[in-house]
Structure formats: C-alpha cells, structure tokens
C-alpha atoms as a PDB file:
ATOM      1  CA  UNK A   1     -17.741   0.325 -53.293  1.00  0.00           C
ATOM      2  CA  UNK A   2     -16.114  -1.332 -49.693  1.00  0.00           C
ATOM      3  CA  UNK A   3     -17.319   0.827 -46.055  1.00  0.00           C
ATOM      4  CA  UNK A   4     -16.288   1.244 -43.193  1.00  0.00           C
ATOM      5  CA  UNK A   5     -18.224   0.542 -39.751  1.00  0.00           C
ATOM      6  CA  UNK A   6     -17.263   2.865 -36.721  1.00  0.00           C
ATOM      7  CA  UNK A   7     -16.100  -0.303 -33.376  1.00  0.00           C
ATOM      8  CA  UNK A   8     -19.438  -0.740 -32.077  1.00  0.00           C
ATOM      9  CA  UNK A   9     -19.830   1.122 -28.472  1.00  0.00           C
ATOM     10  CA  UNK A  10     -19.650  -2.281 -26.649  1.00  0.00           C
ATOM     11  CA  UNK A  11     -16.563  -3.106 -27.441  1.00  0.00           C
ATOM     12  CA  UNK A  12     -14.821   0.533 -27.109  1.00  0.00           C
ATOM     13  CA  UNK A  13     -16.058   0.353 -23.360  1.00  0.00           C
ATOM     14  CA  UNK A  14     -14.024  -3.359 -22.792  1.00  0.00           C
ATOM     15  CA  UNK A  15     -11.535  -2.064 -24.158  1.00  0.00           C
ATOM     16  CA  UNK A  16     -11.462   1.134 -21.720  1.00  0.00           C
ATOM     17  CA  UNK A  17     -12.380  -1.469 -18.905  1.00  0.00           C
ATOM     18  CA  UNK A  18      -9.531  -3.530 -19.738  1.00  0.00           C
ATOM     19  CA  UNK A  19      -7.138  -0.669 -20.094  1.00  0.00           C
ATOM     20  CA  UNK A  20      -8.073   0.232 -15.970  1.00  0.00           C
ATOM     21  CA  UNK A  21      -7.589  -3.267 -15.135  1.00  0.00           C
ATOM     22  CA  UNK A  22      -3.943  -2.968 -16.190  1.00  0.00           C
ATOM     23  CA  UNK A  23      -3.603   0.484 -14.907  1.00  0.00           C
ATOM     24  CA  UNK A  24      -4.207  -0.962 -11.572  1.00  0.00           C
ATOM     25  CA  UNK A  25      -2.940  -4.281 -11.826  1.00  0.00           C
ATOM     26  CA  UNK A  26       0.289  -2.003 -12.477  1.00  0.00           C
ATOM     27  CA  UNK A  27      -0.089   0.516  -9.814  1.00  0.00           C
ATOM     28  CA  UNK A  28      -1.251  -2.512  -7.523  1.00  0.00           C
ATOM     29  CA  UNK A  29       2.663  -3.741  -8.174  1.00  0.00           C
ATOM     30  CA  UNK A  30       4.424  -0.549  -7.910  1.00  0.00           C
ATOM     31  CA  UNK A  31       3.131  -0.264  -3.694  1.00  0.00           C
ATOM     32  CA  UNK A  32       3.419  -3.507  -3.076  1.00  0.00           C
ATOM     33  CA  UNK A  33       6.978  -3.558  -4.006  1.00  0.00           C
ATOM     34  CA  UNK A  34       7.115  -0.556  -2.204  1.00  0.00           C
ATOM     35  CA  UNK A  35       5.645  -1.451   0.570  1.00  0.00           C
ATOM     36  CA  UNK A  36       8.063  -5.017   1.147  1.00  0.00           C
ATOM     37  CA  UNK A  37      11.020  -2.377   1.209  1.00  0.00           C
ATOM     38  CA  UNK A  38       9.671  -0.472   3.518  1.00  0.00           C
ATOM     39  CA  UNK A  39       8.709  -2.887   6.143  1.00  0.00           C
ATOM     40  CA  UNK A  40      12.576  -4.267   5.293  1.00  0.00           C
ATOM     41  CA  UNK A  41      13.587  -1.268   6.598  1.00  0.00           C
ATOM     42  CA  UNK A  42      11.422  -0.875   9.514  1.00  0.00           C
ATOM     43  CA  UNK A  43      12.765  -4.513  10.444  1.00  0.00           C
ATOM     44  CA  UNK A  44      15.718  -2.785  11.466  1.00  0.00           C
ATOM     45  CA  UNK A  45      14.169  -1.244  14.296  1.00  0.00           C
ATOM     46  CA  UNK A  46      14.863  -4.383  15.657  1.00  0.00           C
ATOM     47  CA  UNK A  47      19.043  -4.642  14.801  1.00  0.00           C
ATOM     48  CA  UNK A  48      18.424  -0.866  17.562  1.00  0.00           C
ATOM     49  CA  UNK A  49      19.162   2.737  17.191  1.00  0.00           C
ATOM     50  CA  UNK A  50      22.622   2.785  15.356  1.00  0.00           C
ATOM     51  CA  UNK A  51      21.280   0.060  12.677  1.00  0.00           C
ATOM     52  CA  UNK A  52      18.350   1.737  12.158  1.00  0.00           C
ATOM     53  CA  UNK A  53      19.526   5.718  12.034  1.00  0.00           C
ATOM     54  CA  UNK A  54      21.644   4.408   9.655  1.00  0.00           C
ATOM     55  CA  UNK A  55      19.712   2.624   8.142  1.00  0.00           C
ATOM     56  CA  UNK A  56      17.578   5.817   7.324  1.00  0.00           C
ATOM     57  CA  UNK A  57      20.746   8.059   6.231  1.00  0.00           C
ATOM     58  CA  UNK A  58      21.596   6.057   3.856  1.00  0.00           C
ATOM     59  CA  UNK A  59      18.373   6.393   2.078  1.00  0.00           C
ATOM     60  CA  UNK A  60      18.963  10.261   2.190  1.00  0.00           C
ATOM     61  CA  UNK A  61      22.837   9.569   0.826  1.00  0.00           C
ATOM     62  CA  UNK A  62      21.964   6.597  -1.931  1.00  0.00           C
ATOM     63  CA  UNK A  63      23.401   7.416  -5.189  1.00  0.00           C
ATOM     64  CA  UNK A  64      25.602  10.565  -4.104  1.00  0.00           C
ATOM     65  CA  UNK A  65      26.981  11.658  -5.944  1.00  0.00           C
ATOM     66  CA  UNK A  66      25.939  11.221  -9.170  1.00  0.00           C
ATOM     67  CA  UNK A  67      21.546  11.388  -7.108  1.00  0.00           C
ATOM     68  CA  UNK A  68      21.656  14.606  -4.858  1.00  0.00           C
ATOM     69  CA  UNK A  69      21.034  14.910  -1.216  1.00  0.00           C
ATOM     70  CA  UNK A  70      17.203  12.590  -1.344  1.00  0.00           C
ATOM     71  CA  UNK A  71      17.539  12.125  -4.645  1.00  0.00           C
ATOM     72  CA  UNK A  72      16.689   8.543  -4.617  1.00  0.00           C
ATOM     73  CA  UNK A  73      13.704   9.029  -1.941  1.00  0.00           C
ATOM     74  CA  UNK A  74      12.478  12.284  -3.911  1.00  0.00           C
ATOM     75  CA  UNK A  75      12.446   9.432  -7.474  1.00  0.00           C
ATOM     76  CA  UNK A  76      10.149   7.106  -4.923  1.00  0.00           C
ATOM     77  CA  UNK A  77       7.868   9.901  -4.275  1.00  0.00           C
ATOM     78  CA  UNK A  78       7.311  10.875  -7.692  1.00  0.00           C
ATOM     79  CA  UNK A  79       6.713   6.810  -8.947  1.00  0.00           C
ATOM     80  CA  UNK A  80       4.543   6.376  -5.587  1.00  0.00           C
ATOM     81  CA  UNK A  81       2.844   9.516  -6.041  1.00  0.00           C
ATOM     82  CA  UNK A  82       2.302   9.165  -9.911  1.00  0.00           C
ATOM     83  CA  UNK A  83       1.370   4.914  -9.660  1.00  0.00           C
ATOM     84  CA  UNK A  84      -0.924   5.955  -6.482  1.00  0.00           C
ATOM     85  CA  UNK A  85      -3.074   8.264  -8.641  1.00  0.00           C
ATOM     86  CA  UNK A  86      -2.979   6.583 -11.631  1.00  0.00           C
ATOM     87  CA  UNK A  87      -4.672   3.366  -9.118  1.00  0.00           C
ATOM     88  CA  UNK A  88      -7.246   5.783  -7.160  1.00  0.00           C
ATOM     89  CA  UNK A  89      -8.453   6.837 -11.128  1.00  0.00           C
ATOM     90  CA  UNK A  90      -8.883   3.230 -12.221  1.00  0.00           C
ATOM     91  CA  UNK A  91     -10.195   1.576  -9.295  1.00  0.00           C
ATOM     92  CA  UNK A  92     -12.881   4.350  -8.786  1.00  0.00           C
ATOM     93  CA  UNK A  93     -13.565   4.746 -12.893  1.00  0.00           C
ATOM     94  CA  UNK A  94     -13.665   0.366 -12.414  1.00  0.00           C
ATOM     95  CA  UNK A  95     -16.099   0.759  -9.381  1.00  0.00           C
ATOM     96  CA  UNK A  96     -18.372   3.422 -11.619  1.00  0.00           C
ATOM     97  CA  UNK A  97     -19.075   1.606 -14.532  1.00  0.00           C
ATOM     98  CA  UNK A  98     -20.151  -1.785 -11.808  1.00  0.00           C
ATOM     99  CA  UNK A  99     -22.453   0.520 -10.466  1.00  0.00           C
ATOM    100  CA  UNK A 100     -23.853   1.245 -13.447  1.00  0.00           C
ATOM    101  CA  UNK A 101     -23.632  -2.221 -15.225  1.00  0.00           C
ATOM    102  CA  UNK A 102     -26.437  -4.214 -14.891  1.00  0.00           C
ATOM    103  CA  UNK A 103     -25.981  -7.899 -13.066  1.00  0.00           C
ATOM    104  CA  UNK A 104     -27.738 -10.131 -11.465  1.00  0.00           C
ATOM    105  CA  UNK A 105     -28.910  -9.678  -8.358  1.00  0.00           C
ATOM    106  CA  UNK A 106     -27.422 -13.263  -7.115  1.00  0.00           C
ATOM    107  CA  UNK A 107     -23.780 -11.171  -9.373  1.00  0.00           C
ATOM    108  CA  UNK A 108     -24.396  -8.613  -6.927  1.00  0.00           C
ATOM    109  CA  UNK A 109     -24.919  -9.919  -3.606  1.00  0.00           C
ATOM    110  CA  UNK A 110     -21.977 -11.689  -4.225  1.00  0.00           C
ATOM    111  CA  UNK A 111     -19.745  -8.739  -5.287  1.00  0.00           C
ATOM    112  CA  UNK A 112     -21.221  -5.657  -2.932  1.00  0.00           C
ATOM    113  CA  UNK A 113     -18.968  -6.861   0.346  1.00  0.00           C
ATOM    114  CA  UNK A 114     -15.681  -7.797  -1.092  1.00  0.00           C
ATOM    115  CA  UNK A 115     -16.522  -3.919  -3.448  1.00  0.00           C
ATOM    116  CA  UNK A 116     -17.407  -1.833  -0.875  1.00  0.00           C
ATOM    117  CA  UNK A 117     -14.886  -3.335   1.445  1.00  0.00           C
ATOM    118  CA  UNK A 118     -12.069  -3.373  -1.346  1.00  0.00           C
ATOM    119  CA  UNK A 119     -14.018   0.694  -1.341  1.00  0.00           C
ATOM    120  CA  UNK A 120     -13.581   1.709   1.565  1.00  0.00           C
ATOM    121  CA  UNK A 121     -10.421  -0.221   2.616  1.00  0.00           C
ATOM    122  CA  UNK A 122      -8.369   2.269   0.224  1.00  0.00           C
ATOM    123  CA  UNK A 123      -9.696   5.444   1.864  1.00  0.00           C
ATOM    124  CA  UNK A 124      -9.144   4.631   4.601  1.00  0.00           C
ATOM    125  CA  UNK A 125      -6.370   3.503   4.179  1.00  0.00           C
ATOM    126  CA  UNK A 126      -5.837   6.734   2.135  1.00  0.00           C
ATOM    127  CA  UNK A 127      -5.867   8.492   5.064  1.00  0.00           C
ATOM    128  CA  UNK A 128      -3.721   7.168   7.313  1.00  0.00           C
ATOM    129  CA  UNK A 129      -0.901   7.379   4.927  1.00  0.00           C
ATOM    130  CA  UNK A 130      -1.720  11.093   5.160  1.00  0.00           C
ATOM    131  CA  UNK A 131      -1.397  10.453   8.963  1.00  0.00           C
ATOM    132  CA  UNK A 132       1.646   8.734   8.626  1.00  0.00           C
ATOM    133  CA  UNK A 133       3.440  10.835   6.276  1.00  0.00           C
ATOM    134  CA  UNK A 134       3.092  14.015   8.653  1.00  0.00           C
ATOM    135  CA  UNK A 135       3.978  12.220  11.077  1.00  0.00           C
ATOM    136  CA  UNK A 136       7.046  10.446  10.057  1.00  0.00           C
ATOM    137  CA  UNK A 137       8.117  12.375   7.389  1.00  0.00           C
ATOM    138  CA  UNK A 138       6.893  15.533   7.158  1.00  0.00           C
ATOM    139  CA  UNK A 139       6.153  16.969  10.542  1.00  0.00           C
ATOM    140  CA  UNK A 140       8.330  14.872  12.654  1.00  0.00           C
ATOM    141  CA  UNK A 141       5.275  15.451  14.960  1.00  0.00           C
ATOM    142  CA  UNK A 142       6.257  13.211  18.904  1.00  0.00           C
ATOM    143  CA  UNK A 143       2.563  12.050  20.131  1.00  0.00           C
ATOM    144  CA  UNK A 144       4.688  11.280  23.897  1.00  0.00           C
ATOM    145  CA  UNK A 145       3.703  13.138  25.922  1.00  0.00           C
ATOM    146  CA  UNK A 146       6.663  11.572  27.815  1.00  0.00           C
ATOM    147  CA  UNK A 147       9.158  11.492  24.960  1.00  0.00           C
ATOM    148  CA  UNK A 148       9.095  15.149  23.389  1.00  0.00           C
ATOM    149  CA  UNK A 149      11.708  17.663  21.698  1.00  0.00           C
ATOM    150  CA  UNK A 150      14.860  18.228  18.626  1.00  0.00           C
ATOM    151  CA  UNK A 151      16.528  14.957  20.812  1.00  0.00           C
ATOM    152  CA  UNK A 152      13.582  12.553  19.875  1.00  0.00           C
ATOM    153  CA  UNK A 153      12.194  14.630  16.934  1.00  0.00           C
ATOM    154  CA  UNK A 154      15.561  14.180  14.612  1.00  0.00           C
ATOM    155  CA  UNK A 155      16.090  10.793  15.286  1.00  0.00           C
ATOM    156  CA  UNK A 156      14.458   8.487  13.142  1.00  0.00           C
ATOM    157  CA  UNK A 157      14.666   5.789  16.108  1.00  0.00           C
ATOM    158  CA  UNK A 158      13.751   8.139  18.503  1.00  0.00           C
ATOM    159  CA  UNK A 159      10.757   8.927  16.784  1.00  0.00           C
ATOM    160  CA  UNK A 160       9.834   5.288  16.717  1.00  0.00           C
ATOM    161  CA  UNK A 161      10.029   4.269  19.856  1.00  0.00           C
ATOM    162  CA  UNK A 162       8.295   7.047  21.490  1.00  0.00           C
ATOM    163  CA  UNK A 163       5.478   7.013  18.964  1.00  0.00           C
ATOM    164  CA  UNK A 164       4.644   3.300  19.756  1.00  0.00           C
ATOM    165  CA  UNK A 165       5.138   3.686  22.996  1.00  0.00           C
ATOM    166  CA  UNK A 166       1.019   4.927  23.601  1.00  0.00           C
ATOM    167  CA  UNK A 167      -1.294   2.861  23.260  1.00  0.00           C
ATOM    168  CA  UNK A 168      -4.040   4.557  20.695  1.00  0.00           C
ATOM    169  CA  UNK A 169      -1.224   5.167  18.408  1.00  0.00           C
ATOM    170  CA  UNK A 170      -0.076   1.098  17.870  1.00  0.00           C
ATOM    171  CA  UNK A 171      -3.841   0.157  17.564  1.00  0.00           C
ATOM    172  CA  UNK A 172      -3.975   2.539  14.860  1.00  0.00           C
ATOM    173  CA  UNK A 173      -1.156   1.328  13.125  1.00  0.00           C
ATOM    174  CA  UNK A 174      -1.802  -1.939  13.969  1.00  0.00           C
ATOM    175  CA  UNK A 175      -6.177  -1.805  12.869  1.00  0.00           C
ATOM    176  CA  UNK A 176      -4.339   0.375   9.563  1.00  0.00           C
ATOM    177  CA  UNK A 177      -2.397  -3.415   9.046  1.00  0.00           C
ATOM    178  CA  UNK A 178      -5.543  -5.531   9.055  1.00  0.00           C
ATOM    179  CA  UNK A 179      -7.266  -2.648   6.971  1.00  0.00           C
ATOM    180  CA  UNK A 180      -4.090  -3.449   4.483  1.00  0.00           C
ATOM    181  CA  UNK A 181      -3.819  -7.604   4.607  1.00  0.00           C
ATOM    182  CA  UNK A 182      -7.490  -7.491   3.735  1.00  0.00           C
ATOM    183  CA  UNK A 183      -7.059  -5.370   0.422  1.00  0.00           C
ATOM    184  CA  UNK A 184      -4.077  -7.097  -0.985  1.00  0.00           C
ATOM    185  CA  UNK A 185      -5.211 -10.023  -0.430  1.00  0.00           C
ATOM    186  CA  UNK A 186      -7.343  -9.930  -2.552  1.00  0.00           C
ATOM    187  CA  UNK A 187      -5.596  -6.894  -5.002  1.00  0.00           C
ATOM    188  CA  UNK A 188      -2.659  -9.098  -5.500  1.00  0.00           C
ATOM    189  CA  UNK A 189      -4.647 -11.822  -6.870  1.00  0.00           C
ATOM    190  CA  UNK A 190      -6.825  -9.609  -8.914  1.00  0.00           C
ATOM    191  CA  UNK A 191      -3.441  -7.933 -10.399  1.00  0.00           C
ATOM    192  CA  UNK A 192      -2.825 -12.135 -10.777  1.00  0.00           C
ATOM    193  CA  UNK A 193      -5.668 -12.076 -12.347  1.00  0.00           C
ATOM    194  CA  UNK A 194      -5.461  -8.920 -14.545  1.00  0.00           C
ATOM    195  CA  UNK A 195      -2.525 -10.799 -16.178  1.00  0.00           C
ATOM    196  CA  UNK A 196      -3.867 -13.765 -17.387  1.00  0.00           C
ATOM    197  CA  UNK A 197      -2.198 -15.968 -14.152  1.00  0.00           C
ATOM    198  CA  UNK A 198      -5.753 -17.518 -13.665  1.00  0.00           C
ATOM    199  CA  UNK A 199      -6.427 -19.629 -16.331  1.00  0.00           C
ATOM    200  CA  UNK A 200      -5.623 -22.775 -15.474  1.00  0.00           C
ATOM    201  CA  UNK A 201      -8.007 -23.907 -11.399  1.00  0.00           C
ATOM    202  CA  UNK A 202      -4.091 -25.171 -10.290  1.00  0.00           C
ATOM    203  CA  UNK A 203      -3.136 -21.367 -11.365  1.00  0.00           C
ATOM    204  CA  UNK A 204      -6.021 -20.063  -9.755  1.00  0.00           C
ATOM    205  CA  UNK A 205      -5.759 -21.691  -7.002  1.00  0.00           C
ATOM    206  CA  UNK A 206      -1.684 -20.692  -6.950  1.00  0.00           C
ATOM    207  CA  UNK A 207      -3.296 -17.269  -7.705  1.00  0.00           C
ATOM    208  CA  UNK A 208      -5.060 -17.642  -4.237  1.00  0.00           C
ATOM    209  CA  UNK A 209      -1.422 -18.185  -2.061  1.00  0.00           C
ATOM    210  CA  UNK A 210      -0.179 -16.063  -3.449  1.00  0.00           C
ATOM    211  CA  UNK A 211      -2.910 -12.700  -2.420  1.00  0.00           C
ATOM    212  CA  UNK A 212      -2.493 -14.267   0.841  1.00  0.00           C
ATOM    213  CA  UNK A 213       0.777 -14.711   1.391  1.00  0.00           C
ATOM    214  CA  UNK A 214       1.605 -11.599   0.224  1.00  0.00           C
ATOM    215  CA  UNK A 215      -1.223  -9.978   2.260  1.00  0.00           C
ATOM    216  CA  UNK A 216       0.089 -11.607   5.696  1.00  0.00           C
ATOM    217  CA  UNK A 217       3.705 -11.067   4.866  1.00  0.00           C
ATOM    218  CA  UNK A 218       3.499  -7.488   5.030  1.00  0.00           C
ATOM    219  CA  UNK A 219       0.720  -6.860   7.674  1.00  0.00           C
ATOM    220  CA  UNK A 220       3.389  -9.284  10.512  1.00  0.00           C
ATOM    221  CA  UNK A 221       6.216  -7.980   9.197  1.00  0.00           C
ATOM    222  CA  UNK A 222       4.493  -4.251   9.701  1.00  0.00           C
ATOM    223  CA  UNK A 223       3.491  -4.881  12.894  1.00  0.00           C
ATOM    224  CA  UNK A 224       6.252  -6.692  15.031  1.00  0.00           C
ATOM    225  CA  UNK A 225       8.256  -3.296  14.932  1.00  0.00           C
ATOM    226  CA  UNK A 226       4.947  -1.077  16.672  1.00  0.00           C
ATOM    227  CA  UNK A 227       4.050  -5.096  19.194  1.00  0.00           C
ATOM    228  CA  UNK A 228       7.744  -4.771  19.947  1.00  0.00           C
ATOM    229  CA  UNK A 229       7.442  -1.659  21.276  1.00  0.00           C
ATOM    230  CA  UNK A 230       4.722  -1.236  22.950  1.00  0.00           C
ATOM    231  CA  UNK A 231       4.897  -4.031  25.332  1.00  0.00           C
ATOM    232  CA  UNK A 232       8.700  -3.079  26.093  1.00  0.00           C
ATOM    233  CA  UNK A 233      10.957  -5.437  23.682  1.00  0.00           C
ATOM    234  CA  UNK A 234      12.460  -2.656  22.864  1.00  0.00           C
ATOM    235  CA  UNK A 235      12.993   0.478  24.037  1.00  0.00           C
END
C-alpha cells in the first residue's frame, strides 16, 4: 500500500524563506521606482516656482475626470503603504530567521555589520519618512522662522525653499539620503540576486554596478535641490 509523507520542516522553511525574499525584493523595487519618480519631480524646483507648483498641482489633477481630485496620489499612497508593510514584515521575518540559524563564526562576522546597517538604516528611513510626510504633506509646517504663514505653507515651492534654508533641516535630509544610498546599494543588488539575475560572475558584477549606480543617482538627485537652496542658488 502506498504511503505519503508530509513535507519536512526544513523544506517548508526554505520555501517560506524564498517567498519572504521575493516579497522583500518585489516591494523594494516598488519603492525604487517611486523614489526615481519623486526625485525627478523634486528636481523641477531648479526650474523655478511656476514649473514646480505646476508639477505639484498636476499630480493632484492627473487622470481627471476619470479619477477624482488627488485620485492618483491616493492610489500611489495605498500601494506604498501596502508595499511598506510587506517590506517591513519580510525584513524582520528574515532577520529573525537569520538570528536563530546556525552559522560559522566567519559567516557571522562577515554579515553582522551589513545586516545591522540594513536593519537600523531601514528603521531610520522609516522614521525619516514619517517626518517627511508630516512636514511636506500632512501638516505642512515651515521650520524657518523667517518664512512662515499660509503664503508659505500652502505654496509647495515656497515651503521647500523655506525649509532647506534652515541648515539643520538640510543636514537631516542629507543624512537620510546617505542612509538611503547605502540601503539601496545593497537592496537593489539583493533583489537581483533573489530574482536569479546573478548566476554568473559577469551577472554578479553587473548587479553590483546596478545597485551602486541606482543608489548614487537617487542620492545625488535628491541632494541637489536642498544644497542649491542652502547655498542660495535657489531663492
């Protein structure tokens, strides 16, 4: 008589780990696409108030009348929130598994610093994201005592310029961009590895280059506007 055996626990655990890695890679790539588009929009501040504010308003009216006012923005927000939940869940689940798995001292030493950075760097980015949304989207508060009031806080261009005229605001933003760059350099590479795009030495090197290039482009692109404002190139 034929008998069946239940899948072993290690095999099941491996499948779950692979699923978590795919979830982490997929949600991470959603964020990469978003920050690239967000960076493009931020750079419009270099073109002046009319160009930047027209872009900001267009985001709210995009798709009308099929979509309601701010319809696209709400779709993007929902997708980003769901992606964030999935990314954080996958990350902490994988870190928990890695912490309980047996590994050699060499492997532990080799990965400990990188794992700690990805973990705490990710936490810092989440905190920065919360502050960033409160600052520019939800509360719209100017930290610049010389530029406050409705005329500033209800004008996207004026709020951005007033905010980054404050040195400590620019410093926080630049620190966040540094954290984002380090997170992306490893994260974009890991996503390619998870998706099977690093199976040859040439592909492995190419994935490393893509990760570092993506991180550099995004970090530099986001840093240009606040630095230009801080040094008086944009007023």
